[in-house]
Amino acid sequence: MKKLSYLLYIAFVSLLLVGCEKDEAEEQAEGRAFTPRVFNETSLFPEHPDSVRILNIGQTMTFAGLQFSPSGKAKVSWKVNDTEVSTDTTFTFTAATGGEYRIKLDVMYEGLTSSRTRDVFVIPDTYEKKAGTSVVMAYLNDTASYKYANWDNITHLAYKVATITAAGVMDVSKGEAYRKAEELTGRAHVKGIPVLLGISGALSGDGWSVSSSNNFGAVITDVAKRAALVQSIKNYITAKKMDGVDIMMTDINTTAAIINANAAATGPFLNELRAALEANAIITLTVTTNLYHDRYPDLSAASWLNVHAFEDGLHVGPGKALGQPSGYDYFVTGANLWKAKYPATKLVIGIPAFGLRYTALDANGNNLSWTSYNYMAYKDILAQVPAAFDKEYAAIAQGVYFNGVPLVTQKAAYLKANGFLGAYVWAGDYDVKGANSLTGAIYNSLK
């Protein structure tokens, strides 16, 4: 009985298949449209629109194992950046030169077409640096992708993807998924922009170290750990084809003895990096403009110094008056503080792309406590108040103070008039693109 039931089931399924084939044939005979189909495509053509295959020069990607319907009747066309390269049922793309490529499959039958696309990015081996004498460097946080970069308005990019942990190791894990760090570097190079590995301890939203953090300092003040870190940096930037390293050594805000030791260690750390890396490697160091500025040793081995000339610290803390923490005067004072030590042509001065936002006030209208303020990205400010791009204040929460386009333009004009090498923006992923971009205003003023 079971055998009979099985045979009846097979017969029923066979009749269904014959019926399907008959229906398809009848549709064609009656002139009804039949859209060609593609099967076994999932791994080759992912549905996610941002899926990009990353290849090195010389690597290949093969599109095989696909099936087409109606079988033997549909025509196939493969295109790379809109140029047809094959009409075979399989296709192999070879990464010959760096850049973006869109591979498109068209399957055609009686005037109808089904299409599939796959984006590929090939990491270049070499590139030509963008022309220009001034530096406009944007930082990207480790959570940001290349899509946040304002390529047309920068000359350098610092990818702040390396963080020294409490265990004393360099964590670069956020740049590894989907070859994120390699892709970002490759895309920057296609635009002619050098990329630096940004390395720091634990940072807060304003680009300053978390209070009393000493993760970075504990490593660079230890000779053996410092040597290991130098080797790790060298290995990483070589593997990712980066152009150098930016040392965001802001872990100096703890006890006096540790502050002095950390600042002093930046000298040998810088010199050891210079000895270990290639002769043309870019090595930059971020320095403070607060009372610790005179603790640093000779830093002349750096390609240039990034001066943290924002966040004066006068408007945070219990009872502190609300106000602009990153004003023009503080910026100029910080720039000149370091101009007295090094040539202006060796100094890149920092400009913030974020605001200081107050969340609670005391009875006098001042900041309530150490926890009643935070930082707000410029793009988020404009998302709530679009007309604020030319202001320095927006009525968000208990008020937010920031740098708008006029202020950063004024700062950039000062740098140009006084012979400074350029400016950096913390952070590029806090900025907007288009006419209201802070980075764009800086770039246009300095070029």
Protein backbone atom coordinates (compact mmCIF):
# COMPACT_ATOMS: atom_id res chain seq x y z
CA MET A 1 0.00 0.00 0.00
CA LYS A 2 2.85 2.39 0.84
CA LYS A 3 4.50 1.66 -2.52
CA LEU A 4 1.24 2.38 -4.35
CA SER A 5 0.82 5.68 -2.50
CA TYR A 6 4.39 6.69 -3.40
CA LEU A 7 3.80 5.89 -7.09
CA LEU A 8 0.59 7.90 -7.09
CA TYR A 9 2.47 10.86 -5.52
CA ILE A 10 5.20 10.69 -8.18
CA ALA A 11 2.58 10.59 -10.91
CA PHE A 12 0.80 13.61 -9.42
CA VAL A 13 4.02 15.66 -9.23
CA SER A 14 4.91 14.70 -12.80
CA LEU A 15 1.53 15.92 -14.02
CA LEU A 16 2.11 19.23 -12.20
CA LEU A 17 5.50 19.69 -13.87
CA VAL A 18 4.07 18.85 -17.28
CA GLY A 19 1.30 21.33 -16.60
CA CYS A 20 3.82 24.03 -15.71
CA GLU A 21 5.80 23.37 -18.86
CA LYS A 22 2.58 23.40 -20.88
CA ASP A 23 1.45 26.67 -19.28
CA GLU A 24 4.82 28.30 -20.04
CA ALA A 25 4.66 27.06 -23.64
CA GLU A 26 1.08 28.27 -24.00
CA GLU A 27 2.03 31.69 -22.69
CA GLN A 28 4.74 31.92 -25.32
CA ALA A 29 2.41 30.63 -28.04
CA GLU A 30 -0.27 33.12 -27.13
CA GLY A 31 2.25 35.97 -27.22
CA ARG A 32 2.09 36.70 -23.55
CA ALA A 33 5.27 38.27 -22.12
CA PHE A 34 7.68 35.96 -20.33
CA THR A 35 10.29 37.73 -18.22
CA PRO A 36 13.67 35.97 -18.33
CA ARG A 37 14.93 34.71 -15.00
CA VAL A 38 18.26 34.16 -13.24
CA PHE A 39 18.84 31.32 -10.77
CA ASN A 40 21.63 30.44 -8.30
CA GLU A 41 22.54 34.12 -7.99
CA THR A 42 22.47 34.86 -4.27
CA SER A 43 26.19 34.60 -3.50
CA LEU A 44 27.19 36.51 -6.63
CA PHE A 45 24.57 39.27 -6.53
CA PRO A 46 23.66 40.04 -2.87
CA GLU A 47 20.45 41.96 -2.33
CA HIS A 48 22.05 44.52 -0.01
CA PRO A 49 22.64 47.69 -2.09
CA ASP A 50 25.87 48.57 -0.24
CA SER A 51 27.51 45.20 -0.82
CA VAL A 52 30.90 45.79 -2.43
CA ARG A 53 33.50 43.14 -3.24
CA ILE A 54 37.02 44.31 -2.38
CA LEU A 55 39.88 43.03 -4.55
CA ASN A 56 43.60 43.64 -4.79
CA ILE A 57 45.37 44.17 -8.09
CA GLY A 58 45.59 40.82 -9.88
CA GLN A 59 42.74 39.15 -8.02
CA THR A 60 39.73 37.78 -9.90
CA MET A 61 36.02 37.29 -9.30
CA THR A 62 34.24 34.58 -11.30
CA PHE A 63 30.53 34.59 -12.03
CA ALA A 64 29.66 30.95 -12.72
CA GLY A 65 27.00 28.38 -11.86
CA LEU A 66 24.15 30.65 -12.94
CA GLN A 67 21.11 29.29 -14.75
CA PHE A 68 18.79 31.21 -17.04
CA SER A 69 15.16 30.78 -18.07
CA PRO A 70 13.94 30.07 -20.68
CA SER A 71 16.87 27.67 -20.90
CA GLY A 72 18.85 27.86 -24.13
CA LYS A 73 16.77 30.77 -25.43
CA ALA A 74 17.74 33.76 -23.27
CA LYS A 75 20.65 35.94 -24.43
CA VAL A 76 23.31 36.98 -21.92
CA SER A 77 25.38 40.17 -21.79
CA TRP A 78 28.08 41.09 -19.27
CA LYS A 79 29.07 44.75 -18.89
CA VAL A 80 31.78 46.42 -16.84
CA ASN A 81 31.07 50.11 -16.24
CA ASP A 82 28.49 50.01 -19.08
CA THR A 83 30.87 48.47 -21.64
CA GLU A 84 29.97 44.97 -22.85
CA VAL A 85 32.80 42.53 -22.23
CA SER A 86 31.20 39.09 -22.78
CA THR A 87 28.09 37.25 -23.97
CA ASP A 88 29.01 33.93 -22.39
CA THR A 89 27.02 32.36 -19.56
CA THR A 90 30.01 32.78 -17.24
CA PHE A 91 32.33 35.73 -16.71
CA THR A 92 35.57 36.36 -14.82
CA PHE A 93 36.47 39.89 -13.76
CA THR A 94 40.20 40.55 -13.34
CA ALA A 95 41.34 43.44 -11.14
CA ALA A 96 43.86 45.17 -13.38
CA THR A 97 43.75 48.77 -12.13
CA GLY A 98 42.48 50.43 -8.98
CA GLY A 99 39.05 52.02 -8.79
CA GLU A 100 35.32 51.41 -8.75
CA TYR A 101 33.68 48.94 -11.12
CA ARG A 102 30.06 47.95 -11.64
CA ILE A 103 29.58 44.52 -13.16
CA LYS A 104 26.17 44.17 -14.79
CA LEU A 105 24.47 41.05 -16.07
CA ASP A 106 21.61 41.47 -18.57
CA VAL A 107 19.49 38.44 -19.46
CA MET A 108 17.28 39.14 -22.48
CA TYR A 109 14.35 37.30 -24.09
CA GLU A 110 11.93 38.65 -26.72
CA GLY A 111 12.44 42.31 -25.82
CA LEU A 112 12.37 41.88 -22.05
CA THR A 113 15.46 42.11 -19.81
CA SER A 114 16.32 41.02 -16.27
CA SER A 115 19.41 42.67 -14.80
CA ARG A 116 21.73 42.05 -11.87
CA THR A 117 24.61 44.23 -10.67
CA ARG A 118 27.63 43.75 -8.41
CA ASP A 119 29.91 46.58 -7.31
CA VAL A 120 33.61 45.90 -7.04
CA PHE A 121 36.36 48.10 -5.66
CA VAL A 122 39.97 47.40 -6.58
CA ILE A 123 42.60 48.72 -4.16
CA PRO A 124 45.32 50.53 -6.15
CA ASP A 125 48.99 49.69 -5.67
CA THR A 126 50.15 53.25 -6.36
CA TYR A 127 48.55 56.68 -6.63
CA GLU A 128 49.32 60.29 -7.44
CA LYS A 129 48.98 62.70 -4.55
CA LYS A 130 46.47 65.52 -4.86
CA ALA A 131 48.06 68.86 -5.73
CA GLY A 132 48.24 71.61 -3.13
CA THR A 133 50.52 73.14 -0.52
CA SER A 134 48.14 73.55 2.45
CA VAL A 135 46.94 70.67 4.62
CA VAL A 136 43.24 70.14 5.26
CA MET A 137 43.02 66.92 7.24
CA ALA A 138 39.81 65.31 8.44
CA TYR A 139 39.61 62.60 11.05
CA LEU A 140 37.18 59.74 10.61
CA ASN A 141 36.10 57.79 13.66
CA ASP A 142 36.33 54.02 13.66
CA THR A 143 32.54 53.77 13.30
CA ALA A 144 32.52 55.80 10.07
CA SER A 145 32.87 54.47 6.53
CA TYR A 146 34.43 56.06 3.45
CA LYS A 147 31.01 57.52 2.57
CA TYR A 148 31.45 60.13 5.30
CA ALA A 149 34.61 61.51 3.71
CA ASN A 150 34.45 64.87 1.96
CA TRP A 151 36.99 63.82 -0.68
CA ASP A 152 36.86 67.06 -2.68
CA ASN A 153 37.55 69.21 0.37
CA ILE A 154 40.46 67.47 2.09
CA THR A 155 44.12 66.81 1.35
CA HIS A 156 44.73 64.17 4.05
CA LEU A 157 42.66 61.71 6.05
CA ALA A 158 43.36 60.33 9.51
CA TYR A 159 41.40 57.15 10.15
CA LYS A 160 41.12 56.97 13.95
CA VAL A 161 40.72 53.21 13.98
CA ALA A 162 43.50 52.23 16.40
CA THR A 163 42.84 52.38 20.13
CA ILE A 164 45.19 51.34 22.92
CA THR A 165 43.19 49.22 25.35
CA ALA A 166 43.57 48.84 29.08
CA ALA A 167 45.50 45.64 28.33
CA GLY A 168 48.06 47.69 26.43
CA VAL A 169 47.32 46.31 22.96
CA MET A 170 46.42 48.12 19.75
CA ASP A 171 42.80 47.33 18.89
CA VAL A 172 42.02 47.84 15.17
CA SER A 173 39.09 45.42 15.00
CA LYS A 174 36.55 47.96 13.75
CA GLY A 175 38.55 48.41 10.56
CA GLU A 176 38.71 44.71 9.76
CA ALA A 177 35.09 43.78 8.95
CA TYR A 178 34.58 43.61 5.17
CA ARG A 179 38.14 44.96 4.76
CA LYS A 180 36.86 48.37 5.82
CA ALA A 181 40.27 49.94 6.51
CA GLU A 182 41.71 48.72 3.21
CA GLU A 183 38.72 49.96 1.24
CA LEU A 184 38.80 53.39 2.89
CA THR A 185 42.52 53.73 2.19
CA GLY A 186 42.11 52.58 -1.40
CA ARG A 187 39.25 54.98 -2.09
CA ALA A 188 41.25 57.84 -0.59
CA HIS A 189 44.22 56.97 -2.80
CA VAL A 190 42.03 56.95 -5.90
CA LYS A 191 41.20 60.56 -4.97
CA GLY A 192 44.91 61.33 -4.42
CA ILE A 193 44.58 61.62 -0.64
CA PRO A 194 47.15 60.15 1.80
CA VAL A 195 45.76 58.20 4.76
CA LEU A 196 47.20 58.12 8.27
CA LEU A 197 46.51 55.51 10.91
CA GLY A 198 45.03 57.48 13.80
CA ILE A 199 46.02 55.99 17.15
CA SER A 200 44.92 57.07 20.62
CA GLY A 201 43.77 55.92 24.02
CA ALA A 202 40.10 56.12 24.98
CA LEU A 203 38.56 59.31 23.58
CA SER A 204 35.42 61.30 24.34
CA GLY A 205 33.33 62.96 21.64
CA ASP A 206 35.44 66.11 21.55
CA GLY A 207 38.62 64.25 20.58
CA TRP A 208 40.07 64.53 24.08
CA SER A 209 41.03 61.59 26.25
CA VAL A 210 38.53 60.17 28.69
CA SER A 211 39.18 61.67 32.13
CA SER A 212 42.13 60.05 33.92
CA SER A 213 42.66 57.53 31.13
CA ASN A 214 46.26 56.42 30.83
CA ASN A 215 46.05 53.45 28.45
CA PHE A 216 48.28 55.03 25.81
CA GLY A 217 50.70 56.56 28.29
CA ALA A 218 51.23 53.27 30.09
CA VAL A 219 52.49 51.77 26.83
CA ILE A 220 54.74 54.51 25.47
CA THR A 221 56.45 55.06 28.84
CA ASP A 222 57.49 51.39 28.91
CA VAL A 223 60.49 50.82 26.62
CA ALA A 224 59.60 47.23 25.70
CA LYS A 225 55.89 47.92 25.18
CA ARG A 226 56.72 51.02 23.14
CA ALA A 227 58.98 49.02 20.84
CA ALA A 228 56.24 46.43 20.35
CA LEU A 229 53.72 49.17 19.56
CA VAL A 230 56.07 50.70 16.98
CA GLN A 231 56.31 47.31 15.28
CA SER A 232 52.52 46.85 15.37
CA ILE A 233 52.00 50.24 13.77
CA LYS A 234 54.57 49.50 11.08
CA ASN A 235 52.99 46.14 10.28
CA TYR A 236 49.48 47.59 10.11
CA ILE A 237 50.15 50.56 7.86
CA THR A 238 52.20 48.33 5.56
CA ALA A 239 49.40 45.77 5.32
CA LYS A 240 46.74 48.42 4.71
CA LYS A 241 48.93 50.51 2.36
CA MET A 242 48.54 53.59 4.55
CA ASP A 243 50.87 56.56 4.29
CA GLY A 244 51.81 57.04 7.92
CA VAL A 245 50.49 57.50 11.44
CA ASP A 246 48.88 60.22 13.53
CA ILE A 247 49.70 60.00 17.24
CA MET A 248 46.72 61.37 19.18
CA MET A 249 48.57 61.41 22.45
CA THR A 250 45.98 63.09 24.67
CA ASP A 251 46.28 60.68 27.61
CA ILE A 252 48.17 63.20 29.73
CA ASN A 253 45.37 64.44 31.99
CA THR A 254 45.98 62.54 35.21
CA THR A 255 48.51 63.13 38.06
CA ALA A 256 51.42 65.53 37.59
CA ALA A 257 54.03 62.76 37.60
CA ILE A 258 52.17 60.75 34.95
CA ILE A 259 51.52 63.86 32.85
CA ASN A 260 55.22 64.66 32.78
CA ALA A 261 56.21 61.06 32.01
CA ASN A 262 53.66 60.66 29.22
CA ALA A 263 54.55 63.94 27.56
CA ALA A 264 58.27 63.15 27.78
CA ALA A 265 57.70 59.73 26.19
CA THR A 266 56.20 61.25 23.05
CA GLY A 267 59.71 62.25 21.97
CA PRO A 268 61.34 58.79 21.90
CA PHE A 269 58.10 57.27 20.58
CA LEU A 270 58.13 59.72 17.68
CA ASN A 271 61.83 59.14 17.00
CA GLU A 272 61.46 55.36 17.06
CA LEU A 273 58.56 55.52 14.63
CA ARG A 274 60.63 57.72 12.32
CA ALA A 275 63.46 55.19 12.40
CA ALA A 276 61.15 52.23 11.81
CA LEU A 277 58.91 53.56 9.03
CA GLU A 278 59.82 54.35 5.44
CA ALA A 279 61.63 57.61 4.81
CA ASN A 280 58.62 59.24 3.15
CA ALA A 281 56.13 58.17 5.85
CA ILE A 282 53.96 60.94 7.29
CA ILE A 283 54.15 61.04 11.09
CA THR A 284 52.05 63.61 12.93
CA LEU A 285 51.47 64.26 16.62
CA THR A 286 48.52 65.98 18.31
CA VAL A 287 49.54 68.44 21.02
CA THR A 288 47.59 70.40 23.63
CA THR A 289 47.11 74.12 24.15
CA ASN A 290 46.37 73.85 27.86
CA LEU A 291 48.81 74.20 30.75
CA TYR A 292 50.59 71.00 29.68
CA HIS A 293 51.88 72.46 26.44
CA ASP A 294 55.35 73.08 27.83
CA ARG A 295 55.85 69.46 28.97
CA TYR A 296 56.64 68.08 25.51
CA PRO A 297 60.23 67.32 24.43
CA ASP A 298 61.67 68.03 20.99
CA LEU A 299 59.11 66.96 18.39
CA SER A 300 60.94 68.09 15.27
CA ALA A 301 60.96 64.52 13.89
CA ALA A 302 57.24 64.89 13.16
CA SER A 303 56.10 65.76 9.64
CA TRP A 304 53.89 68.33 11.32
CA LEU A 305 52.11 68.93 14.64
CA ASN A 306 48.33 69.00 15.05
CA VAL A 307 47.40 71.66 17.59
CA HIS A 308 44.23 70.95 19.59
CA ALA A 309 43.11 74.61 19.61
CA PHE A 310 39.48 74.09 20.61
CA GLU A 311 37.56 73.32 23.81
CA ASP A 312 38.99 75.88 26.22
CA GLY A 313 37.50 74.12 29.29
CA LEU A 314 36.08 77.34 30.70
CA HIS A 315 32.42 76.50 30.15
CA VAL A 316 32.11 73.02 31.65
CA GLY A 317 31.83 71.97 35.27
CA PRO A 318 29.42 72.94 38.07
CA GLY A 319 28.35 76.57 38.00
CA LYS A 320 30.31 77.46 34.86
CA ALA A 321 28.80 80.10 32.59
CA LEU A 322 27.42 78.95 29.26
CA GLY A 323 29.35 80.03 26.21
CA GLN A 324 31.42 79.32 23.12
CA PRO A 325 34.26 76.93 24.08
CA SER A 326 36.02 77.06 20.72
CA GLY A 327 36.07 80.71 19.81
CA TYR A 328 38.34 82.65 17.48
CA ASP A 329 40.54 84.17 20.20
CA TYR A 330 41.27 80.81 21.81
CA PHE A 331 42.10 79.40 18.40
CA VAL A 332 44.58 82.20 17.64
CA THR A 333 46.17 81.97 21.08
CA GLY A 334 46.69 78.23 20.70
CA ALA A 335 48.14 78.59 17.23
CA ASN A 336 50.61 81.25 18.37
CA LEU A 337 51.55 79.26 21.45
CA TRP A 338 53.04 76.61 19.18
CA LYS A 339 54.27 79.07 16.57
CA ALA A 340 56.65 80.33 19.26
CA LYS A 341 58.16 76.82 19.38
CA TYR A 342 58.03 75.61 15.74
CA PRO A 343 57.71 77.21 12.31
CA ALA A 344 54.13 77.94 11.25
CA THR A 345 54.78 75.76 8.21
CA LYS A 346 54.98 72.78 10.57
CA LEU A 347 51.68 73.45 12.35
CA VAL A 348 48.14 72.26 11.50
CA ILE A 349 45.55 73.85 13.77
CA GLY A 350 42.41 72.05 14.93
CA ILE A 351 38.83 73.16 14.25
CA PRO A 352 35.78 71.38 15.76
CA ALA A 353 32.83 70.03 13.79
CA PHE A 354 30.76 69.58 16.94
CA GLY A 355 29.10 71.70 19.57
CA LEU A 356 28.97 71.85 23.35
CA ARG A 357 25.39 71.08 24.38
CA TYR A 358 23.98 71.82 27.84
CA THR A 359 21.28 69.53 29.21
CA ALA A 360 20.59 71.00 32.66
CA LEU A 361 21.17 74.40 34.30
CA ASP A 362 21.38 75.60 37.89
CA ALA A 363 19.27 78.34 39.46
CA ASN A 364 21.59 81.01 38.04
CA GLY A 365 21.31 79.73 34.49
CA ASN A 366 24.78 78.21 34.52
CA ASN A 367 25.89 74.63 33.85
CA LEU A 368 24.53 72.38 36.58
CA SER A 369 27.17 69.67 37.02
CA TRP A 370 29.88 67.51 35.43
CA THR A 371 27.18 65.39 33.82
CA SER A 372 24.88 68.13 32.51
CA TYR A 373 26.62 68.68 29.17
CA ASN A 374 27.69 66.60 26.18
CA TYR A 375 28.79 67.00 22.58
CA MET A 376 26.64 67.24 19.46
CA ALA A 377 27.86 66.69 15.90
CA TYR A 378 27.50 69.64 13.54
CA LYS A 379 25.41 67.50 11.17
CA ASP A 380 22.99 66.73 14.01
CA ILE A 381 22.72 70.42 14.89
CA LEU A 382 21.78 71.26 11.29
CA ALA A 383 19.37 68.33 11.18
CA GLN A 384 17.38 70.02 13.96
CA VAL A 385 18.04 73.65 12.99
CA PRO A 386 18.92 73.83 9.27
CA ALA A 387 19.43 77.60 9.33
CA ALA A 388 22.10 77.36 12.04
CA PHE A 389 24.99 76.86 9.57
CA ASP A 390 25.94 80.55 9.83
CA LYS A 391 25.48 80.77 13.59
CA GLU A 392 27.40 79.80 16.73
CA TYR A 393 24.39 78.99 18.90
CA ALA A 394 21.26 76.87 18.52
CA ALA A 395 18.35 76.54 20.94
CA ILE A 396 18.61 72.78 21.35
CA ALA A 397 18.17 71.27 24.84
CA GLN A 398 19.51 74.04 27.14
CA GLY A 399 21.55 75.48 24.28
CA VAL A 400 24.41 74.31 22.07
CA TYR A 401 27.49 76.36 21.12
CA PHE A 402 29.46 75.44 18.01
CA ASN A 403 31.51 76.68 15.06
CA GLY A 404 29.44 77.65 12.03
CA VAL A 405 30.63 78.43 8.51
CA PRO A 406 31.52 82.12 9.16
CA LEU A 407 33.67 81.30 12.20
CA VAL A 408 35.63 78.47 10.56
CA THR A 409 36.13 80.66 7.50
CA GLN A 410 37.57 83.37 9.74
CA LYS A 411 39.87 80.85 11.38
CA ALA A 412 41.09 79.48 8.06
CA ALA A 413 41.73 82.99 6.77
CA TYR A 414 43.92 83.63 9.80
CA LEU A 415 45.94 80.49 9.12
CA LYS A 416 46.48 81.43 5.50
CA ALA A 417 47.44 85.03 6.29
CA ASN A 418 50.00 83.90 8.88
CA GLY A 419 51.69 81.11 6.96
CA PHE A 420 50.41 78.06 8.85
CA LEU A 421 50.55 74.69 7.13
CA GLY A 422 46.81 74.16 7.44
CA ALA A 423 43.92 72.92 9.56
CA TYR A 424 42.44 69.67 10.75
CA VAL A 425 38.79 68.89 11.49
CA TRP A 426 37.57 66.77 14.37
CA ALA A 427 35.80 64.93 13.03
CA GLY A 428 34.99 64.60 9.34
CA ASP A 429 32.04 62.30 10.01
CA TYR A 430 30.48 65.05 12.19
CA ASP A 431 30.37 67.43 9.22
CA VAL A 432 27.84 67.78 6.40
CA LYS A 433 28.45 67.85 2.67
CA GLY A 434 27.48 70.62 0.30
CA ALA A 435 27.34 74.39 0.69
CA ASN A 436 27.17 74.32 4.50
CA SER A 437 30.17 72.05 5.02
CA LEU A 438 32.73 73.28 7.54
CA THR A 439 35.48 71.28 5.86
CA GLY A 440 34.49 72.81 2.53
CA ALA A 441 34.70 76.33 3.98
CA ILE A 442 38.18 75.61 5.35
CA TYR A 443 39.39 74.04 2.11
CA ASN A 444 38.11 76.89 -0.04
CA SER A 445 39.78 79.43 2.23
CA LEU A 446 43.17 77.70 2.24
CA LYS A 447 43.49 76.54 -1.36
